[in-house]
Amino acid sequence: MQHAPLVIDIAGTRLTAEDRRRLAHPLVGGLILFARNWESREQLTALTADMHRLRPDLLIAVDHEGGRVQRFRNGGFTHLPPMRALGELWMQDAMRAQDAATACGYVLAAELRACGVDFSFTPVLDLDWGRSGVIGDRAFHADARVTAVLARCLALGLLQAGMGNCGKHFPGHGWASADSHTDAPVDTRGLKAILAADAAPYGWLSTALTAVMPAHVVYPRVDARPAGFSARWLQAVLRGRLGFGGAIFSDDLSMAGARRLGGRELSHTEAALAALEAGCDLVLLCNQSLDGGEALDALIDGLSEAQLKGRWHPAEASEARRQALLPRQPALDWDNLMRSTAYLHALALLP
């Protein structure tokens, strides 16, 4: 079983010859979509169908959480609320909030799958400490228990529509105030404090999460490396202590906070190898197709060379985890989804 750990992107709304070449490479296992890849619902559906014809096992993913992180917003896509709205509803009516969270998950996944998208990087499990602008209203609540319950309900809705889930950003990005897209955030708390609060949902949801994405945050009292490059966080804590058995994605390796290690900035290939060695099953490199894709080609070539020279050994277990994220049930097409009782009921339950 060939391990295909790379998740890359494309620049436009249709596949170019260069896109096809990259997506056909055996080390590429996924593609992440952005708003720039959207023109219309019909175009998106044609694009994903083209990708699946090229690579039936390709995992087509997107950051589609609701609120300000929702890549597709027109053409009939429901404007989903930020997750904080579900936390606020919990404070008024906890039972209704759970139903609403399940409905959000179902609508989110059913609409994406109707257009051929397999997977969304959701839910955010970060706690709303009121410190992180990049997280903010993407978080359900400040209470880890409320966060875990609502995330489990959202994951149930995703599952009902045939989609997996991805808890992020392990072990927690809510305390660190810096934005890892541009800086290297630091959380100076100790392991005990983090496990008791921010990381607690990962343990409680260990049987419900199908994937996890670590934070590009350094927790120096635990490890000098960012969590996504830390075997202690990923293998000793997440897998060993918390019992998580699903896929681990790196966060975007193009982010400024992602590649600083040992006092220097790693190349994309070095960062990918460090993440894989630490325990990631898949690594993302985003927005590198926009200038011709040289960085994508360099990463594909660099990982291929590392494999040939024995610096990286593909893991069958990692590939099995990737393939487990692929949908197992057929999706309703858009017209049939719009008429389905389950979908209409879910719409009525949205906050």
Protein backbone atom coordinates (compact mmCIF):
# COMPACT_ATOMS: atom_id res chain seq x y z
CA MET A 1 0.00 0.00 0.00
CA GLN A 2 1.63 3.23 -1.21
CA HIS A 3 1.56 5.93 1.47
CA ALA A 4 0.26 9.16 -0.11
CA PRO A 5 0.81 11.81 2.58
CA LEU A 6 0.78 15.05 0.58
CA VAL A 7 -2.27 17.34 0.48
CA ILE A 8 -1.82 20.12 -2.08
CA ASP A 9 -3.93 22.75 -3.85
CA ILE A 10 -4.69 24.09 -7.32
CA ALA A 11 -4.86 27.69 -8.49
CA GLY A 12 -8.03 27.84 -10.55
CA THR A 13 -11.52 26.54 -11.20
CA ARG A 14 -10.47 23.82 -13.63
CA LEU A 15 -7.60 21.36 -13.73
CA THR A 16 -4.59 22.32 -15.82
CA ALA A 17 -2.13 19.83 -17.27
CA GLU A 18 0.25 20.67 -14.40
CA ASP A 19 -2.51 20.06 -11.82
CA ARG A 20 -3.22 16.67 -13.38
CA ARG A 21 0.43 15.72 -13.31
CA ARG A 22 0.77 16.58 -9.64
CA LEU A 23 -2.50 14.96 -8.57
CA ALA A 24 -1.55 11.76 -10.38
CA HIS A 25 1.68 11.47 -8.39
CA PRO A 26 1.55 8.49 -5.99
CA LEU A 27 2.75 10.61 -3.04
CA VAL A 28 -0.22 12.99 -3.38
CA GLY A 29 -3.20 11.75 -1.40
CA GLY A 30 -5.38 14.82 -1.07
CA LEU A 31 -6.35 18.21 -2.38
CA ILE A 32 -7.60 21.20 -0.39
CA LEU A 33 -10.01 23.62 -2.05
CA PHE A 34 -10.24 27.38 -1.48
CA ALA A 35 -12.73 30.09 -2.40
CA ARG A 36 -10.67 30.82 -5.53
CA ASN A 37 -11.60 27.34 -6.80
CA TRP A 38 -15.29 28.31 -6.76
CA GLU A 39 -17.18 29.79 -9.68
CA SER A 40 -20.55 28.10 -9.33
CA ARG A 41 -22.04 24.97 -7.86
CA GLU A 42 -22.09 23.34 -11.28
CA GLN A 43 -18.42 24.22 -11.86
CA LEU A 44 -17.39 22.89 -8.44
CA THR A 45 -19.24 19.63 -9.04
CA ALA A 46 -17.60 19.25 -12.45
CA LEU A 47 -14.17 20.01 -10.95
CA THR A 48 -14.45 17.40 -8.19
CA ALA A 49 -15.81 14.83 -10.66
CA ASP A 50 -12.80 15.47 -12.89
CA MET A 51 -10.46 14.95 -9.92
CA HIS A 52 -12.19 11.74 -8.88
CA ARG A 53 -11.96 10.38 -12.43
CA LEU A 54 -8.24 11.09 -12.39
CA ARG A 55 -7.73 9.68 -8.87
CA PRO A 56 -10.72 7.78 -7.38
CA ASP A 57 -8.86 7.56 -4.04
CA LEU A 58 -8.06 11.29 -3.84
CA LEU A 59 -9.37 12.94 -0.66
CA ILE A 60 -10.93 16.27 -1.68
CA ALA A 61 -11.05 18.52 1.37
CA VAL A 62 -11.91 22.08 2.36
CA ASP A 63 -11.90 24.37 5.39
CA HIS A 64 -15.67 24.77 5.78
CA GLU A 65 -16.58 25.38 9.42
CA GLY A 66 -19.32 27.99 9.33
CA GLY A 67 -19.09 31.65 10.28
CA ARG A 68 -16.08 33.42 8.78
CA VAL A 69 -14.41 30.17 7.71
CA GLN A 70 -16.71 28.93 4.97
CA ARG A 71 -15.22 28.70 1.49
CA PHE A 72 -18.48 28.35 -0.49
CA ARG A 73 -21.17 30.92 0.33
CA ASN A 74 -23.47 31.20 -2.67
CA GLY A 75 -25.10 29.02 -5.29
CA GLY A 76 -27.44 27.63 -2.67
CA PHE A 77 -24.93 26.87 0.07
CA THR A 78 -26.37 27.55 3.51
CA HIS A 79 -24.66 30.30 5.50
CA LEU A 80 -23.77 28.35 8.60
CA PRO A 81 -23.34 30.13 11.94
CA PRO A 82 -20.00 30.42 13.72
CA MET A 83 -19.60 27.73 16.35
CA ARG A 84 -19.82 30.32 19.12
CA ALA A 85 -23.53 30.67 18.23
CA LEU A 86 -24.01 27.04 19.27
CA GLY A 87 -22.22 27.69 22.56
CA GLU A 88 -24.46 30.69 23.19
CA LEU A 89 -27.52 28.58 22.41
CA TRP A 90 -26.26 26.00 24.92
CA MET A 91 -26.44 28.63 27.66
CA GLN A 92 -30.13 29.13 26.86
CA ASP A 93 -31.21 25.58 26.00
CA ALA A 94 -28.59 22.82 26.14
CA MET A 95 -30.80 20.17 24.52
CA ARG A 96 -31.75 22.41 21.61
CA ALA A 97 -28.10 23.35 21.14
CA GLN A 98 -27.15 19.70 20.70
CA ASP A 99 -29.81 19.21 18.03
CA ALA A 100 -28.69 22.40 16.31
CA ALA A 101 -25.05 21.25 16.31
CA THR A 102 -26.01 17.93 14.73
CA ALA A 103 -28.08 19.81 12.14
CA CYS A 104 -25.13 22.10 11.35
CA GLY A 105 -22.90 19.09 10.78
CA TYR A 106 -25.46 17.39 8.55
CA VAL A 107 -26.15 20.46 6.39
CA LEU A 108 -22.44 21.26 6.10
CA ALA A 109 -21.49 17.75 5.00
CA ALA A 110 -24.53 17.02 2.83
CA GLU A 111 -24.09 20.20 0.78
CA LEU A 112 -20.37 19.62 0.29
CA ARG A 113 -20.83 15.97 -0.62
CA ALA A 114 -23.55 16.85 -3.13
CA CYS A 115 -20.81 18.78 -4.95
CA GLY A 116 -18.23 16.00 -4.70
CA VAL A 117 -16.23 17.32 -1.72
CA ASP A 118 -15.25 14.45 0.59
CA PHE A 119 -14.06 16.09 3.79
CA SER A 120 -14.04 19.30 5.84
CA PHE A 121 -11.47 20.30 8.45
CA THR A 122 -13.98 20.75 11.27
CA PRO A 123 -14.76 20.98 14.21
CA VAL A 124 -12.58 23.53 16.01
CA LEU A 125 -11.98 22.20 19.54
CA ASP A 126 -10.02 25.23 20.74
CA LEU A 127 -11.44 26.84 23.87
CA ASP A 128 -12.67 30.42 23.75
CA TRP A 129 -10.33 32.01 26.29
CA GLY A 130 -10.93 35.43 24.72
CA ARG A 131 -7.20 35.70 23.88
CA SER A 132 -6.92 34.49 20.28
CA GLY A 133 -8.19 36.62 17.42
CA VAL A 134 -7.55 33.89 14.86
CA ILE A 135 -9.80 31.50 16.82
CA GLY A 136 -12.38 33.87 18.34
CA ASP A 137 -15.93 32.92 17.40
CA ARG A 138 -14.74 29.76 15.66
CA ALA A 139 -14.68 28.17 19.13
CA PHE A 140 -17.82 26.66 20.66
CA HIS A 141 -17.26 27.74 24.25
CA ALA A 142 -14.74 28.41 27.02
CA ASP A 143 -15.80 25.23 28.85
CA ALA A 144 -14.07 22.08 27.57
CA ARG A 145 -17.11 19.95 28.49
CA VAL A 146 -19.53 22.09 26.48
CA THR A 147 -17.05 22.14 23.59
CA ALA A 148 -16.76 18.34 23.62
CA VAL A 149 -20.51 17.74 23.73
CA LEU A 150 -21.27 20.16 20.90
CA ALA A 151 -18.36 18.87 18.81
CA ARG A 152 -19.61 15.29 19.25
CA CYS A 153 -23.05 16.39 18.05
CA LEU A 154 -21.56 18.19 15.05
CA ALA A 155 -19.49 15.09 14.23
CA LEU A 156 -22.67 12.99 14.38
CA GLY A 157 -24.27 15.27 11.79
CA LEU A 158 -21.22 14.99 9.54
CA LEU A 159 -21.32 11.21 9.91
CA GLN A 160 -25.02 11.05 9.03
CA ALA A 161 -24.13 12.70 5.71
CA GLY A 162 -21.22 10.29 5.19
CA MET A 163 -18.32 12.59 6.15
CA GLY A 164 -15.50 12.23 8.66
CA ASN A 165 -14.28 15.02 10.93
CA CYS A 166 -11.09 16.72 12.06
CA GLY A 167 -10.63 18.11 15.55
CA LYS A 168 -8.29 21.09 15.58
CA HIS A 169 -5.90 22.53 16.72
CA PHE A 170 -4.39 19.99 19.15
CA PRO A 171 -3.65 20.44 22.01
CA GLY A 172 -5.25 23.90 21.84
CA HIS A 173 -4.74 27.24 20.09
CA GLY A 174 -7.17 29.27 22.18
CA TRP A 175 -4.69 30.40 24.86
CA ALA A 176 -1.92 31.59 22.53
CA SER A 177 -2.71 35.09 21.23
CA ALA A 178 -0.40 35.15 18.18
CA ASP A 179 -1.67 34.02 14.77
CA SER A 180 0.36 31.07 13.45
CA HIS A 181 -0.33 32.20 9.87
CA THR A 182 2.13 35.05 10.47
CA ASP A 183 3.90 34.38 13.79
CA ALA A 184 5.12 31.55 16.00
CA PRO A 185 2.64 31.44 18.91
CA VAL A 186 3.83 30.30 22.33
CA ASP A 187 1.75 28.85 25.19
CA THR A 188 3.76 28.81 28.42
CA ARG A 189 1.41 26.65 30.46
CA GLY A 190 2.46 23.22 31.68
CA LEU A 191 1.21 19.84 30.52
CA LYS A 192 -1.11 19.35 33.49
CA ALA A 193 -2.96 22.62 32.87
CA ILE A 194 -3.31 21.96 29.14
CA LEU A 195 -4.56 18.39 29.63
CA ALA A 196 -7.09 19.56 32.21
CA ALA A 197 -8.62 22.14 29.85
CA ASP A 198 -7.71 22.64 26.18
CA ALA A 199 -6.68 19.05 25.38
CA ALA A 200 -9.50 17.43 27.41
CA PRO A 201 -11.97 17.26 24.46
CA TYR A 202 -9.50 15.14 22.48
CA GLY A 203 -9.55 12.48 25.18
CA TRP A 204 -13.32 12.58 25.60
CA LEU A 205 -13.80 12.40 21.82
CA SER A 206 -11.06 9.84 21.08
CA THR A 207 -13.63 7.35 19.71
CA ALA A 208 -15.57 9.99 17.76
CA LEU A 209 -12.77 11.88 15.98
CA THR A 210 -11.61 10.49 12.64
CA ALA A 211 -8.78 13.02 12.24
CA VAL A 212 -6.89 15.61 14.26
CA MET A 213 -4.84 18.64 13.20
CA PRO A 214 -2.15 19.86 15.62
CA ALA A 215 -1.52 23.53 16.30
CA HIS A 216 1.48 25.45 14.97
CA VAL A 217 2.06 26.50 18.58
CA VAL A 218 5.10 25.93 20.82
CA TYR A 219 4.43 24.75 24.38
CA PRO A 220 7.98 25.14 25.77
CA ARG A 221 7.25 23.53 29.14
CA VAL A 222 6.30 20.34 27.25
CA ASP A 223 8.49 20.40 24.12
CA ALA A 224 10.61 23.01 22.34
CA ARG A 225 9.09 21.93 19.02
CA PRO A 226 5.68 23.12 17.77
CA ALA A 227 3.00 20.49 18.43
CA GLY A 228 2.87 19.44 14.76
CA PHE A 229 6.58 18.54 14.85
CA SER A 230 6.53 16.99 18.32
CA ALA A 231 6.58 13.24 18.82
CA ARG A 232 5.83 13.87 22.48
CA TRP A 233 2.59 15.66 21.69
CA LEU A 234 1.49 13.47 18.79
CA GLN A 235 2.65 10.02 19.84
CA ALA A 236 3.07 10.09 23.62
CA VAL A 237 0.11 12.35 24.45
CA LEU A 238 -2.42 12.22 21.59
CA ARG A 239 -2.02 8.57 20.63
CA GLY A 240 -0.62 7.13 23.87
CA ARG A 241 -2.28 9.02 26.69
CA LEU A 242 -5.52 10.12 24.98
CA GLY A 243 -6.00 7.00 22.86
CA PHE A 244 -6.56 8.63 19.47
CA GLY A 245 -6.29 6.19 16.57
CA GLY A 246 -7.34 8.24 13.52
CA ALA A 247 -5.42 10.31 10.98
CA ILE A 248 -3.19 13.23 11.99
CA PHE A 249 -2.87 16.11 9.50
CA SER A 250 -0.19 18.74 9.79
CA ASP A 251 -1.48 22.29 9.61
CA ASP A 252 -0.44 24.24 6.51
CA LEU A 253 3.35 24.02 6.16
CA SER A 254 3.44 27.28 4.19
CA MET A 255 2.42 29.26 7.29
CA ALA A 256 5.08 31.49 8.82
CA GLY A 257 4.71 29.82 12.19
CA ALA A 258 5.04 26.37 10.71
CA ARG A 259 8.64 25.91 9.65
CA ARG A 260 10.71 27.51 12.41
CA LEU A 261 12.61 24.76 14.11
CA GLY A 262 15.96 24.76 15.88
CA GLY A 263 16.51 28.46 15.25
CA ARG A 264 16.07 28.33 11.49
CA GLU A 265 13.35 28.17 8.88
CA LEU A 266 13.00 24.74 7.30
CA SER A 267 12.36 24.13 3.63
CA HIS A 268 8.94 22.70 2.79
CA THR A 269 10.50 19.25 2.34
CA GLU A 270 12.35 19.45 5.66
CA ALA A 271 9.16 20.57 7.39
CA ALA A 272 7.14 17.75 5.81
CA LEU A 273 9.73 15.17 6.86
CA ALA A 274 9.82 16.58 10.40
CA ALA A 275 6.02 16.41 10.64
CA LEU A 276 5.87 12.86 9.29
CA GLU A 277 8.65 11.73 11.60
CA ALA A 278 6.86 13.26 14.59
CA GLY A 279 3.72 11.28 13.83
CA CYS A 280 1.66 13.11 11.22
CA ASP A 281 0.04 10.86 8.62
CA LEU A 282 -0.64 13.65 6.13
CA VAL A 283 0.95 17.05 5.51
CA LEU A 284 -0.66 20.10 3.94
CA LEU A 285 1.07 22.63 1.73
CA CYS A 286 -1.41 25.32 0.72
CA ASN A 287 -1.50 28.27 -1.67
CA GLN A 288 1.73 27.28 -3.42
CA SER A 289 0.04 26.70 -6.78
CA LEU A 290 -0.56 30.42 -7.26
CA ASP A 291 2.91 31.25 -8.54
CA GLY A 292 3.22 28.26 -10.87
CA GLY A 293 3.56 25.53 -8.27
CA GLU A 294 7.36 25.36 -8.02
CA ALA A 295 7.13 24.79 -4.26
CA LEU A 296 4.69 21.91 -4.80
CA ASP A 297 7.00 20.26 -7.30
CA ALA A 298 9.96 20.78 -4.98
CA LEU A 299 8.08 19.09 -2.14
CA ILE A 300 6.98 16.14 -4.29
CA ASP A 301 10.52 15.72 -5.62
CA GLY A 302 12.06 16.21 -2.18
CA LEU A 303 9.86 13.59 -0.52
CA SER A 304 10.46 11.18 -3.42
CA GLU A 305 14.22 11.61 -3.01
CA ALA A 306 13.97 11.15 0.77
CA GLN A 307 12.11 7.89 0.20
CA LEU A 308 14.68 6.65 -2.31
CA LYS A 309 17.56 7.50 0.03
CA GLY A 310 15.89 5.89 3.03
CA ARG A 311 15.40 9.16 4.95
CA TRP A 312 11.63 8.61 4.95
CA HIS A 313 9.84 5.27 5.17
CA PRO A 314 6.20 5.27 4.03
CA ALA A 315 3.81 3.90 6.63
CA GLU A 316 1.02 1.51 5.65
CA ALA A 317 -0.87 2.42 8.82
CA SER A 318 -0.85 6.08 7.77
CA GLU A 319 -2.20 5.24 4.34
CA ALA A 320 -4.95 3.12 5.89
CA ARG A 321 -5.92 6.08 8.07
CA ARG A 322 -6.04 8.35 5.00
CA GLN A 323 -8.23 5.95 3.09
CA ALA A 324 -10.54 5.58 6.08
CA LEU A 325 -11.44 9.27 5.64
CA LEU A 326 -12.87 8.66 2.16
CA PRO A 327 -16.69 8.51 2.05
CA ARG A 328 -18.12 5.02 2.17
CA GLN A 329 -21.71 5.80 1.16
CA PRO A 330 -23.01 7.52 -1.98
CA ALA A 331 -24.12 11.13 -1.66
CA LEU A 332 -27.39 12.65 -2.79
CA ASP A 333 -27.04 15.01 -5.73
CA TRP A 334 -28.04 18.62 -5.12
CA ASP A 335 -31.59 18.43 -6.48
CA ASN A 336 -32.45 15.31 -4.50
CA LEU A 337 -30.80 16.74 -1.38
CA MET A 338 -32.99 19.86 -1.59
CA ARG A 339 -36.07 17.62 -1.46
CA SER A 340 -34.88 15.21 1.21
CA THR A 341 -36.75 15.10 4.52
CA ALA A 342 -33.57 14.80 6.59
CA TYR A 343 -32.03 17.88 4.99
CA LEU A 344 -35.16 20.02 5.31
CA HIS A 345 -35.51 18.97 8.94
CA ALA A 346 -31.88 19.87 9.63
CA LEU A 347 -32.32 23.31 8.03
CA ALA A 348 -35.24 23.99 10.37
CA LEU A 349 -33.06 23.21 13.40
CA LEU A 350 -30.23 25.62 12.57
CA PRO A 351 -29.79 28.46 15.07
